[in-house]
N, C-alpha and C. Protein backbone atom coordinates (compact mmCIF):
# COMPACT_ATOMS: atom_id res chain seq x y z
N LYS A 1 -113.25 181.72 135.14
CA LYS A 1 -114.36 182.11 134.82
C LYS A 1 -115.46 181.18 134.24
N PRO A 2 -116.38 180.68 133.93
CA PRO A 2 -116.86 179.18 133.86
C PRO A 2 -116.63 179.04 131.94
N MET A 3 -116.50 178.01 131.50
CA MET A 3 -116.41 177.76 130.01
C MET A 3 -117.73 177.37 129.21
N THR A 4 -118.25 178.83 128.06
CA THR A 4 -118.94 178.72 127.93
C THR A 4 -119.44 177.51 127.13
N ARG A 5 -120.50 176.48 126.91
CA ARG A 5 -120.95 175.11 126.43
C ARG A 5 -120.55 175.94 124.59
N LEU A 6 -120.41 175.31 123.73
CA LEU A 6 -119.82 175.42 122.35
C LEU A 6 -121.42 174.52 121.45
N LYS A 7 -121.58 173.95 122.16
CA LYS A 7 -122.86 172.57 121.68
C LYS A 7 -123.54 173.84 120.65
N ASN A 8 -124.09 175.01 121.11
CA ASN A 8 -124.80 175.89 120.57
C ASN A 8 -124.64 176.95 120.04
N LYS A 9 -123.17 176.95 119.71
CA LYS A 9 -122.67 178.11 119.07
C LYS A 9 -122.32 177.91 117.18
N ARG A 10 -122.76 178.58 116.74
CA ARG A 10 -122.53 178.59 115.61
C ARG A 10 -120.99 178.62 115.57
N PRO A 11 -120.52 177.57 114.01
CA PRO A 11 -119.26 177.68 114.30
C PRO A 11 -118.96 179.13 113.10
N ASP A 12 -117.47 179.66 113.77
CA ASP A 12 -116.62 180.83 112.95
C ASP A 12 -116.44 180.07 111.33
N VAL A 13 -115.89 179.22 111.44
CA VAL A 13 -115.01 178.56 110.35
C VAL A 13 -115.71 176.96 110.15
N GLU A 14 -115.80 176.65 108.56
CA GLU A 14 -116.54 175.42 108.43
C GLU A 14 -115.29 174.75 107.45
N VAL A 15 -114.80 173.79 107.74
CA VAL A 15 -113.78 173.25 106.53
C VAL A 15 -113.80 171.40 106.74
N SER A 16 -113.16 171.38 105.69
CA SER A 16 -112.96 169.91 106.03
C SER A 16 -111.59 169.26 106.66
N ALA A 17 -111.38 167.80 106.82
CA ALA A 17 -110.24 167.87 107.74
C ALA A 17 -109.23 167.80 107.26
N ALA A 18 -108.71 167.30 105.75
CA ALA A 18 -107.70 167.35 104.64
C ALA A 18 -107.26 168.90 105.15
N LYS A 19 -108.27 169.79 104.84
CA LYS A 19 -107.73 171.03 104.65
C LYS A 19 -107.29 171.94 105.60
N LEU A 20 -108.01 171.59 106.83
CA LEU A 20 -107.52 171.90 107.75
C LEU A 20 -105.66 171.44 108.29
N ILE A 21 -105.53 170.44 108.05
CA ILE A 21 -104.09 170.04 108.14
C ILE A 21 -103.20 170.71 107.39
N THR A 22 -103.57 170.62 105.75
CA THR A 22 -102.82 171.31 104.66
C THR A 22 -102.44 172.89 105.24
N ASP A 23 -103.71 173.37 106.09
CA ASP A 23 -103.75 174.69 106.42
C ASP A 23 -102.55 174.91 106.81
N TYR A 24 -102.23 174.19 108.52
CA TYR A 24 -101.28 174.19 109.50
C TYR A 24 -100.00 173.65 108.76
N GLU A 25 -100.01 172.87 108.12
CA GLU A 25 -98.64 172.53 107.29
C GLU A 25 -98.38 173.77 106.48
N ALA A 26 -98.91 174.14 105.89
CA ALA A 26 -98.16 175.05 104.72
C ALA A 26 -97.76 176.42 105.27
N ASP A 27 -98.36 176.66 106.69
CA ASP A 27 -98.34 177.83 107.04
C ASP A 27 -98.79 178.25 108.59
N GLU A 28 -98.27 178.01 109.47
CA GLU A 28 -99.32 177.49 111.05
C GLU A 28 -99.34 179.08 111.31
N LYS A 29 -98.45 180.16 111.13
CA LYS A 29 -98.61 180.99 111.75
C LYS A 29 -100.37 181.65 111.02
N ALA A 30 -100.20 181.56 109.97
CA ALA A 30 -101.62 182.24 109.61
C ALA A 30 -102.52 181.48 110.00
N ALA A 31 -102.66 180.06 109.66
CA ALA A 31 -103.77 178.87 109.96
C ALA A 31 -103.81 179.02 111.50
N ASN A 32 -102.86 179.45 112.38
CA ASN A 32 -103.29 179.95 113.61
C ASN A 32 -104.21 181.46 113.35
N ASP A 33 -103.96 182.27 112.74
CA ASP A 33 -104.92 183.35 112.40
C ASP A 33 -106.26 183.20 112.06
N THR A 34 -106.24 181.76 111.42
CA THR A 34 -107.24 181.25 110.56
C THR A 34 -108.54 181.15 111.94
N TYR A 35 -107.79 180.18 112.53
CA TYR A 35 -108.37 179.17 113.45
C TYR A 35 -108.56 178.82 114.57
N LEU A 36 -107.05 179.73 115.02
CA LEU A 36 -106.74 179.39 116.37
C LEU A 36 -107.61 180.38 117.61
N GLY A 37 -108.54 179.54 118.56
CA GLY A 37 -109.43 180.10 119.67
C GLY A 37 -110.80 180.42 119.24
N LYS A 38 -111.08 179.75 117.19
CA LYS A 38 -112.04 180.23 116.63
C LYS A 38 -113.32 178.49 117.17
N VAL A 39 -114.65 178.83 117.14
CA VAL A 39 -115.66 177.73 116.95
C VAL A 39 -115.30 177.22 115.23
N VAL A 40 -114.82 175.64 115.33
CA VAL A 40 -114.50 175.49 114.06
C VAL A 40 -115.13 174.11 113.90
N GLU A 41 -115.64 173.82 112.56
CA GLU A 41 -116.60 172.87 112.12
C GLU A 41 -115.74 171.86 111.05
N VAL A 42 -115.41 170.67 111.52
CA VAL A 42 -114.58 170.04 110.86
C VAL A 42 -115.74 168.67 110.10
N ALA A 43 -115.14 168.72 109.02
CA ALA A 43 -115.92 167.45 108.35
C ALA A 43 -114.81 166.25 107.83
N GLY A 44 -114.98 164.87 107.94
CA GLY A 44 -113.94 164.35 107.54
C GLY A 44 -114.47 162.68 108.65
N LYS A 45 -113.75 161.51 108.08
CA LYS A 45 -113.97 160.28 108.21
C LYS A 45 -113.10 160.20 109.95
N ILE A 46 -114.13 158.94 110.66
CA ILE A 46 -113.46 159.01 112.06
C ILE A 46 -112.74 157.82 111.76
N ALA A 47 -111.45 158.05 112.10
CA ALA A 47 -110.04 157.01 112.52
C ALA A 47 -110.18 155.55 113.38
N ALA A 48 -110.79 156.45 114.66
CA ALA A 48 -110.79 156.36 115.91
C ALA A 48 -111.78 156.87 116.90
N ILE A 49 -111.65 156.18 117.87
CA ILE A 49 -112.49 156.88 119.38
C ILE A 49 -111.60 156.33 120.46
N ALA A 50 -111.49 157.20 121.25
CA ALA A 50 -110.37 156.71 122.22
C ALA A 50 -110.68 157.57 123.52
N VAL A 51 -110.81 156.65 124.75
CA VAL A 51 -110.91 157.58 125.53
C VAL A 51 -109.87 157.20 126.84
N GLU A 52 -109.25 158.54 127.00
CA GLU A 52 -107.90 159.08 127.26
C GLU A 52 -108.39 159.89 129.31
N GLU A 53 -107.68 159.35 129.66
CA GLU A 53 -107.98 160.14 131.51
C GLU A 53 -109.19 161.02 131.50
N GLY A 54 -110.63 159.57 131.29
CA GLY A 54 -111.44 159.91 131.59
C GLY A 54 -111.99 160.80 130.18
N LYS A 55 -111.64 161.34 129.06
CA LYS A 55 -112.14 162.08 127.94
C LYS A 55 -112.43 161.18 126.47
N THR A 56 -113.61 161.34 125.73
CA THR A 56 -113.83 161.05 125.00
C THR A 56 -112.99 161.62 123.97
N LYS A 57 -112.13 161.29 122.99
CA LYS A 57 -111.41 161.88 121.59
C LYS A 57 -111.71 161.43 120.76
N VAL A 58 -112.15 161.84 119.54
CA VAL A 58 -112.22 161.44 118.37
C VAL A 58 -111.37 161.98 117.32
N GLN A 59 -110.80 161.08 116.81
CA GLN A 59 -109.48 161.45 115.76
C GLN A 59 -109.98 161.39 114.72
N ILE A 60 -110.12 162.41 113.62
CA ILE A 60 -110.15 162.40 112.27
C ILE A 60 -109.64 162.24 111.16
N GLU A 61 -109.64 161.18 110.34
CA GLU A 61 -108.64 161.14 109.26
C GLU A 61 -108.27 162.44 108.15
N THR A 62 -106.59 162.91 107.75
CA THR A 62 -106.87 163.97 107.31
C THR A 62 -106.25 163.66 105.96
N GLY A 63 -105.89 162.26 105.85
CA GLY A 63 -105.26 162.50 104.30
C GLY A 63 -103.65 161.97 104.34
N ASN A 64 -103.05 162.32 105.92
CA ASN A 64 -101.81 162.41 105.93
C ASN A 64 -101.66 161.38 107.30
N PRO A 65 -101.03 160.34 106.96
CA PRO A 65 -101.19 159.31 107.77
C PRO A 65 -100.45 159.59 109.23
N MET A 66 -99.63 160.92 109.22
CA MET A 66 -98.70 161.40 110.40
C MET A 66 -99.28 162.36 111.19
N SER A 67 -100.65 162.55 110.70
CA SER A 67 -101.48 163.72 111.22
C SER A 67 -103.05 163.62 111.38
N MET A 68 -103.14 163.71 112.64
CA MET A 68 -104.72 164.18 112.60
C MET A 68 -105.51 164.74 112.99
N ILE A 69 -107.15 165.36 113.25
CA ILE A 69 -107.37 166.17 113.42
C ILE A 69 -108.12 165.48 115.37
N ILE A 70 -107.54 166.06 115.91
CA ILE A 70 -108.32 165.14 117.46
C ILE A 70 -109.21 166.17 118.34
N CYS A 71 -110.15 165.55 118.49
CA CYS A 71 -111.24 166.52 118.92
C CYS A 71 -111.94 165.71 120.28
N GLU A 72 -111.28 166.58 121.59
CA GLU A 72 -111.65 165.91 122.58
C GLU A 72 -113.06 166.51 122.76
N LEU A 73 -113.94 165.27 123.08
CA LEU A 73 -115.57 165.78 123.39
C LEU A 73 -115.77 166.66 125.00
N GLU A 74 -116.70 167.37 124.49
CA GLU A 74 -117.16 168.57 125.81
C GLU A 74 -117.42 167.50 126.79
N ASP A 75 -117.35 167.96 128.33
CA ASP A 75 -117.68 167.21 129.13
C ASP A 75 -119.02 166.84 129.31
N GLY A 76 -119.76 165.45 129.27
CA GLY A 76 -120.88 165.36 129.16
C GLY A 76 -121.51 164.96 127.66
N SER A 77 -120.81 165.29 126.70
CA SER A 77 -120.98 164.77 125.32
C SER A 77 -120.50 163.25 125.06
N GLU A 78 -121.45 162.26 124.44
CA GLU A 78 -121.19 161.26 123.98
C GLU A 78 -120.50 161.08 122.70
N ALA A 79 -119.77 160.20 122.23
CA ALA A 79 -119.38 159.88 120.85
C ALA A 79 -120.70 159.07 120.12
N GLY A 80 -121.89 158.20 120.86
CA GLY A 80 -122.82 158.17 120.91
C GLY A 80 -122.44 156.77 119.71
N SER A 81 -123.53 156.47 119.07
CA SER A 81 -123.34 155.14 118.11
C SER A 81 -122.57 155.80 116.86
N VAL A 82 -121.59 157.05 116.68
CA VAL A 82 -120.99 157.31 115.73
C VAL A 82 -119.43 155.73 116.36
N LYS A 83 -118.72 155.39 114.74
CA LYS A 83 -117.81 154.86 114.93
C LYS A 83 -116.69 155.11 113.96
N ALA A 84 -115.60 154.12 113.84
CA ALA A 84 -114.39 154.40 112.94
C ALA A 84 -114.85 154.01 111.70
N GLY A 85 -114.31 155.06 110.65
CA GLY A 85 -115.32 154.95 109.30
C GLY A 85 -116.38 155.31 109.02
N ASP A 86 -117.08 156.01 109.89
CA ASP A 86 -118.00 157.32 109.89
C ASP A 86 -117.60 157.99 109.25
N GLU A 87 -118.47 158.81 108.57
CA GLU A 87 -118.19 160.32 108.07
C GLU A 87 -118.89 160.93 108.85
N ILE A 88 -118.35 162.26 109.54
CA ILE A 88 -119.30 162.92 110.49
C ILE A 88 -118.96 164.59 110.09
N LYS A 89 -119.31 165.42 110.88
CA LYS A 89 -119.24 166.74 111.03
C LYS A 89 -119.09 166.87 112.83
N ILE A 90 -118.26 167.59 112.82
CA ILE A 90 -117.62 168.09 114.66
C ILE A 90 -117.42 168.84 114.60
N LYS A 91 -117.57 169.84 115.52
CA LYS A 91 -117.12 170.97 116.03
C LYS A 91 -116.87 171.51 117.64
N GLY A 92 -115.54 172.44 117.90
CA GLY A 92 -114.35 172.35 118.86
C GLY A 92 -114.18 173.72 118.47
N MET A 93 -113.40 173.98 120.04
CA MET A 93 -112.49 175.01 119.97
C MET A 93 -110.92 174.70 119.42
N CYS A 94 -110.53 175.44 118.51
CA CYS A 94 -109.32 175.10 118.22
C CYS A 94 -108.34 175.59 119.16
N SER A 95 -107.62 174.47 119.73
CA SER A 95 -106.43 175.08 120.78
C SER A 95 -105.25 174.98 120.21
N GLY A 96 -104.89 174.69 118.78
CA GLY A 96 -103.49 174.76 118.12
C GLY A 96 -103.16 173.09 117.22
N TYR A 97 -101.81 173.58 117.20
CA TYR A 97 -101.26 172.19 116.20
C TYR A 97 -100.12 172.12 116.75
N LEU A 98 -100.14 170.69 116.81
CA LEU A 98 -98.20 169.55 117.41
C LEU A 98 -98.45 168.47 116.44
N SER A 99 -98.33 168.26 115.31
CA SER A 99 -98.36 167.50 114.18
C SER A 99 -99.99 167.16 114.18
N ASP A 100 -100.86 167.19 114.85
CA ASP A 100 -102.09 166.86 114.83
C ASP A 100 -102.69 168.37 115.35
N VAL A 101 -104.06 168.89 114.88
CA VAL A 101 -105.02 169.95 115.09
C VAL A 101 -105.52 169.39 116.49
N ILE A 102 -106.06 170.03 117.03
CA ILE A 102 -106.27 169.88 118.39
C ILE A 102 -107.72 170.61 118.61
N LEU A 103 -109.12 170.19 118.89
CA LEU A 103 -110.01 171.07 119.02
C LEU A 103 -110.88 170.27 120.32
N VAL A 104 -110.78 171.33 121.25
CA VAL A 104 -111.64 171.26 122.31
C VAL A 104 -112.66 171.53 122.63
N GLN A 105 -113.31 170.96 123.74
CA GLN A 105 -114.72 171.12 124.07
C GLN A 105 -115.81 170.71 122.61
N ALA A 106 -115.47 169.83 121.77
CA ALA A 106 -116.08 169.29 120.52
C ALA A 106 -117.26 168.70 120.85
N SER A 107 -118.20 168.95 119.97
CA SER A 107 -119.49 167.98 120.28
C SER A 107 -120.32 167.48 118.54
N LEU A 108 -120.43 166.89 118.65
CA LEU A 108 -121.28 165.81 117.04
C LEU A 108 -121.63 167.14 116.62
N VAL A 109 -122.02 167.48 115.23
CA VAL A 109 -122.91 168.05 114.61
C VAL A 109 -124.01 167.44 114.01
N LYS A 110 -125.27 167.75 114.21
CA LYS A 110 -125.96 166.39 113.70
C LYS A 110 -126.58 166.64 112.36
């Protein structure tokens, strides 16, 4: 079945990048209950923007040098004029935690 676009959906949870990673590091199961499969809006500073396999990925700093929030932009979404060092809000579907928290179908929040 086709994925619904998240761009126009209201976030289920709004959180800072630092709190999101801290919640997962403290208790992954509880964090999954809060975030997994939900539309999460994250505020933070861009560490880097990379293109891998045709997908644009925005990496958000968390305060932990070992962990990032990786936001894979929705097809057709552009990183636009944002760059490393910018403070942004971005929302996407939380797909889990593997030392980084992954958000898919992400889009920048204006």
